[in-house]
Protein backbone atom coordinates (compact mmCIF):
# COMPACT_ATOMS: atom_id res chain seq x y z
CA MET A 1 -10.00 20.04 54.15
CA PRO A 2 -11.25 16.85 55.81
CA ASP A 3 -9.19 15.26 58.60
CA THR A 4 -7.72 11.79 58.20
CA LEU A 5 -8.78 9.46 61.00
CA PRO A 6 -8.27 5.73 61.66
CA LEU A 7 -11.70 4.12 61.98
CA PHE A 8 -12.77 1.34 64.32
CA PRO A 9 -16.11 -0.12 63.16
CA LEU A 10 -17.97 -1.70 66.09
CA SER A 11 -21.36 -3.19 66.94
CA THR A 12 -21.91 -0.35 69.40
CA ILE A 13 -22.09 3.43 69.48
CA VAL A 14 -20.57 5.96 71.85
CA PHE A 15 -22.02 9.46 72.03
CA PRO A 16 -20.04 12.67 72.64
CA GLY A 17 -18.98 12.85 76.28
CA GLY A 18 -19.47 9.12 76.77
CA GLN A 19 -16.97 6.52 77.94
CA LEU A 20 -16.34 3.22 76.20
CA PRO A 21 -13.99 0.48 77.43
CA LEU A 22 -12.54 -1.66 74.65
CA ARG A 23 -10.63 -4.95 74.48
CA ILE A 24 -8.19 -4.81 71.58
CA PHE A 25 -6.66 -7.99 70.13
CA GLU A 26 -6.62 -7.73 66.32
CA GLN A 27 -3.21 -6.63 65.03
CA ARG A 28 -4.57 -3.75 62.93
CA TYR A 29 -6.28 -2.26 66.00
CA LEU A 30 -3.35 -3.00 68.32
CA ASP A 31 -1.15 -0.99 65.95
CA MET A 32 -3.76 1.78 65.73
CA VAL A 33 -4.11 2.03 69.52
CA LYS A 34 -0.34 1.94 70.12
CA GLN A 35 0.05 4.82 67.65
CA ALA A 36 -2.80 6.77 69.28
CA ILE A 37 -1.20 6.31 72.71
CA ALA A 38 2.28 7.27 71.46
CA ASP A 39 1.06 10.38 69.60
CA ASN A 40 -1.85 11.26 71.93
CA THR A 41 -4.16 11.31 68.91
CA PRO A 42 -7.79 10.22 68.53
CA PHE A 43 -9.40 7.55 66.38
CA GLY A 44 -12.96 7.21 65.20
CA ILE A 45 -15.63 4.76 66.31
CA CYS A 46 -18.39 4.04 63.81
CA ALA A 47 -21.23 1.57 64.05
CA ILE A 48 -21.09 -1.30 61.57
CA ARG A 49 -23.59 -0.98 58.71
CA GLU A 50 -22.42 -4.17 56.94
CA GLY A 51 -19.97 -6.87 58.02
CA ASN A 52 -18.43 -7.95 61.32
CA GLU A 53 -16.07 -6.56 63.93
CA THR A 54 -13.31 -9.04 63.09
CA GLY A 55 -11.85 -10.23 59.81
CA THR A 56 -12.53 -8.35 56.58
CA PRO A 57 -12.99 -4.60 57.19
CA ALA A 58 -16.64 -3.81 57.89
CA VAL A 59 -18.60 -1.07 56.16
CA PRO A 60 -19.32 1.63 58.76
CA TYR A 61 -22.15 4.12 58.98
CA ALA A 62 -21.11 7.57 57.76
CA VAL A 63 -21.48 9.32 61.14
CA GLY A 64 -19.23 8.33 64.03
CA THR A 65 -17.55 9.72 67.12
CA ARG A 66 -13.94 10.76 67.68
CA VAL A 67 -12.51 9.13 70.83
CA HIS A 68 -9.39 9.69 72.92
CA ILE A 69 -7.71 7.02 75.03
CA THR A 70 -7.85 7.95 78.72
CA ASP A 71 -6.27 4.81 80.20
CA TRP A 72 -4.82 1.52 79.04
CA ASP A 73 -3.46 -1.77 80.33
CA MET A 74 -1.90 -4.87 78.77
CA PRO A 75 -2.90 -7.78 81.05
CA GLN A 76 -1.33 -10.30 78.67
CA THR A 77 0.68 -10.24 75.47
CA GLY A 78 -1.46 -9.40 72.46
CA ILE A 79 -4.39 -7.92 74.39
CA LEU A 80 -4.82 -4.25 75.20
CA LEU A 81 -7.58 -2.99 77.46
CA ILE A 82 -8.32 0.67 76.86
CA GLU A 83 -10.69 3.27 78.25
CA THR A 84 -11.90 5.88 75.80
CA ARG A 85 -13.75 9.16 76.12
CA ALA A 86 -15.79 10.39 73.18
CA ALA A 87 -15.38 13.89 71.83
CA GLY A 88 -17.26 15.25 68.80
CA ARG A 89 -19.07 13.57 65.97
CA PHE A 90 -17.79 13.37 62.41
CA VAL A 91 -19.02 12.45 58.93
CA VAL A 92 -16.96 10.04 56.84
CA ARG A 93 -16.49 11.46 53.33
CA SER A 94 -14.36 8.60 51.95
CA THR A 95 -12.40 5.58 53.16
CA ARG A 96 -9.39 3.55 52.14
CA THR A 97 -8.12 0.28 53.57
CA GLU A 98 -4.45 -0.01 54.51
CA ALA A 99 -2.46 -3.17 53.76
CA GLY A 100 -2.99 -4.47 57.31
CA GLY A 101 -6.77 -4.05 57.05
CA LEU A 102 -7.13 -0.79 58.99
CA LEU A 103 -9.82 1.50 57.63
CA ILE A 104 -8.76 5.14 57.24
CA GLY A 105 -11.42 7.78 56.76
CA LYS A 106 -11.39 11.30 55.44
CA VAL A 107 -13.79 12.97 57.86
CA ASP A 108 -15.44 16.31 58.49
CA ALA A 109 -16.31 17.39 62.03
CA VAL A 110 -19.99 17.80 62.90
CA SER A 111 -20.74 20.91 64.95
CA ASP A 112 -21.39 20.26 68.63
CA GLU A 113 -24.99 20.70 69.75
CA SER A 114 -25.49 23.71 72.02
CA ALA A 115 -26.74 23.02 75.54
CA VAL A 116 -30.53 23.21 75.76
CA ALA A 117 -32.70 23.34 78.89
CA ILE A 118 -34.87 20.27 79.36
CA PRO A 119 -38.59 20.89 78.81
CA ASP A 120 -40.76 19.81 81.78
CA GLU A 121 -42.44 17.11 79.67
CA PHE A 122 -39.18 15.11 79.70
CA GLU A 123 -38.64 14.91 83.47
CA LEU A 124 -39.29 11.14 83.30
CA ALA A 125 -36.17 10.76 81.15
CA VAL A 126 -34.10 12.77 83.64
CA GLU A 127 -35.36 10.76 86.63
CA ILE A 128 -34.63 7.43 84.94
CA LEU A 129 -31.13 8.60 83.99
CA ARG A 130 -30.52 9.75 87.60
CA HIS A 131 -31.51 6.27 88.77
CA ILE A 132 -29.24 4.55 86.22
CA ILE A 133 -26.28 6.75 87.17
CA GLY A 134 -27.01 6.09 90.84
CA GLU A 135 -26.71 2.37 90.10
CA TYR A 136 -23.54 2.50 87.98
CA GLY A 137 -21.79 5.62 89.28
CA ASP A 138 -18.92 7.66 87.88
CA ALA A 139 -17.05 4.61 86.59
CA ARG A 140 -19.61 4.45 83.76
CA PHE A 141 -20.74 8.10 83.72
CA ALA A 142 -17.94 10.62 84.15
CA ALA A 143 -18.72 13.78 86.08
CA PRO A 144 -19.89 16.44 85.65
CA HIS A 145 -23.44 15.17 85.31
CA GLU A 146 -25.50 17.68 83.34
CA PHE A 147 -29.07 16.72 84.28
CA ASP A 148 -30.32 20.14 83.14
CA ASN A 149 -28.88 19.78 79.60
CA ALA A 150 -31.08 18.04 77.02
CA VAL A 151 -28.06 17.20 74.86
CA TRP A 152 -26.19 15.43 77.68
CA VAL A 153 -29.26 13.58 79.02
CA GLY A 154 -30.24 12.46 75.52
CA TYR A 155 -26.74 11.22 74.73
CA ARG A 156 -26.41 9.26 77.98
CA LEU A 157 -29.85 7.63 77.64
CA SER A 158 -29.16 6.79 73.99
CA GLU A 159 -26.02 4.93 75.08
CA VAL A 160 -27.56 2.86 77.87
CA LEU A 161 -31.10 2.04 76.77
CA PRO A 162 -31.64 -1.30 74.99
CA LEU A 163 -32.26 0.15 71.53
CA LYS A 164 -31.46 -1.42 68.17
CA LEU A 165 -28.15 -0.27 66.69
CA SER A 166 -29.91 1.43 63.76
CA ILE A 167 -32.04 3.49 66.18
CA LYS A 168 -28.97 4.50 68.20
CA GLN A 169 -27.31 5.51 64.93
CA ASN A 170 -30.30 7.69 64.03
CA LEU A 171 -30.12 9.31 67.48
CA LEU A 172 -26.39 9.97 66.98
CA GLU A 173 -26.99 11.58 63.60
CA MET A 174 -29.80 13.79 64.91
CA ASN A 175 -29.00 17.44 65.62
CA ASP A 176 -32.18 18.17 67.60
CA SER A 177 -31.72 17.36 71.30
CA VAL A 178 -35.40 17.96 72.14
CA MET A 179 -36.55 15.56 69.41
CA ARG A 180 -34.00 13.00 70.65
CA LEU A 181 -35.45 13.28 74.17
CA ARG A 182 -39.00 13.01 72.81
CA ILE A 183 -38.12 9.72 71.07
CA LEU A 184 -36.36 8.37 74.18
CA THR A 185 -39.23 9.40 76.47
CA GLU A 186 -41.75 7.61 74.23
CA PHE A 187 -39.56 4.50 74.36
CA LEU A 188 -39.38 4.73 78.18
CA LYS A 189 -43.14 5.16 78.53
CA LYS A 190 -43.72 2.01 76.45
CA GLN A 191 -41.35 0.08 78.72
CA ILE A 192 -43.17 1.25 81.85
CA ASN A 193 -46.72 0.51 80.60
């Protein structure tokens, strides 16, 4: 049976193991986040395929990421700042919209990719990621850093490189970590030349 999961369509993507800070101000998402904090339950982040982040519920892509809230703050009434950590991916099988505008999805979990050693041909990708993490530190990239794992390196580069949303979505949907790294390495080489 599919799980039921509140969905938060955004103009960004978070990959498994990634961190994403969010500023929550719409009532439907304030309610969703308050419930997630109270029950210690996840919600789903999906990239927007059609529509906008605010107003009428957007149409999300079918593959998203389950996130858990790791920290929160309310600096002023009506605004919640939350830190999230992404867990596994899921596929949306169907959606319904609640009266308040919150999108609820029936979702199936996508199997986690197994750790894969990084082929030598992708050392450029590893070195660039080491440099990026050196610049931004653990606040943006939670330890442990798995520089020998093609899945982890591919996910982190997919999050931070300036790629179109549709390309990031394709990288999220991909189940081949070596192919993901090949695509990212080609992108990096074009940026360098």
